[in-house]
């Protein structure tokens, strides 16, 4: 098996570059043609039923107004009912046949279920779910007195969108509907002082990338990654000033909401707004030097003072699934994406006193991989695996060199280019892998 990995380490990167040179121009032309066709024939939203979480202000509020202009029926969800009432009234004035108000906290599982149930009770169907609710807490991680205060960020930003989606899926499958996920560029370009917020958005994105494969073709997913948007969250407690983002050009919530609605009507899979932020993605991915989640975070919190004294190092064992999600383990993928985003942000906060080596193993022959036929259930049993001994040796050598990143086996890095530049192709391959290699639950 080690010989196979050595061969793949040499051949796969070159083969990937050659294939990308051939496929990327063809796919780019296809994207342009598809964009033009869908722009001419967008989805008709008249009478469609839309749930919007976090609809009392910011992007959510203006999404309600944009959908109202297209004649959609709205279920507006937020914890601040008094503000929701005003939004609902204005939405009906702008053209919505009916806009109902649902007071709910998406960090509560019961409230998530209630939001969907009340929508179905009022309208009898659901065509689109917009996961927009989000919060953020500013502060250098090492200086936090009580890290439990950070739990609410993950509960709202990640579990809030996951739980609402869980209850909405049966209805969306019936209507061949769509999920719109309001993420953030911080999920892949972490900003210091908001490490857990960044991690929550990375987890959210990873989860819905995996879910996209599992629910296709019945349900479409539009993943939105906004940059700096002028919203109450961005302005709360001088959020932008404290994170040194106050000099970055911001976009209005109205303009962002309009772009999101147009993108969803075209059936786009991805939207970054403003669009120029996409250029930063290439820099972050190609030039990075410029209890999966909470378990590692909590231990690190208590270890930081001692590591700073010794000028020590943190080695984080992540997973390639954090950026190349495997179907059937969506929450595992999300936890690894959150872990990676958190430590990418922490790297900035603790440098140069503490070094961080981020390890993203592929398929490693471990008890976890073999437990309950994990590889068999996820259709990964045919992918070449590496021994735990070989992986451990590579990790120790990498940490001794002071490396910032290690992917083991190394040929897995080539897949990252495919995920980054040809996401549609990778989604289709993984969807085919799941369907063609479907196996009943192991008894």
Foldseek 3Di string as FASTA:
>chain_A
DVVVLVVLLPPLLVVLVVVCVVVQVVVVVVVVVLLVVLLVPFAQQAAAEEEFEPLLWFLNLLLLQLSLLSHHEYEYEEQDQVSVVVSQVVSVVNHHPGYHYQRAQLLDLVRLLVSQVVSCVVRVAHAEYELDDAAFDFAALLPDPDCVVLVVRLSRLAVSVVSNCVNRVVRNLVNLHEYEYEAAPCCLVPFARGLLNNLSRLLNVLLVLQVCLVSPPSYAYEYEHEYAEPICRCPPPVNCVSRVNPPPDYHYSNVVSNVSVSCVRSRHRYYYPPPVVLVVNCCCLVPVVCCLAVVVSVVCSVCVVVLLVVLEEAEREAAPCCLQPFHPPSNNNSSRSSNVSSVSNSCVVRPPSYAYEYEHEYAEPDCVCPPQVNCLQRLNPPPDYHYPVVVVVVSVVCVVVRHRYYYPPNSVVSVSCCCSSPVVVSSVVSSCSCVVSHDPRDD
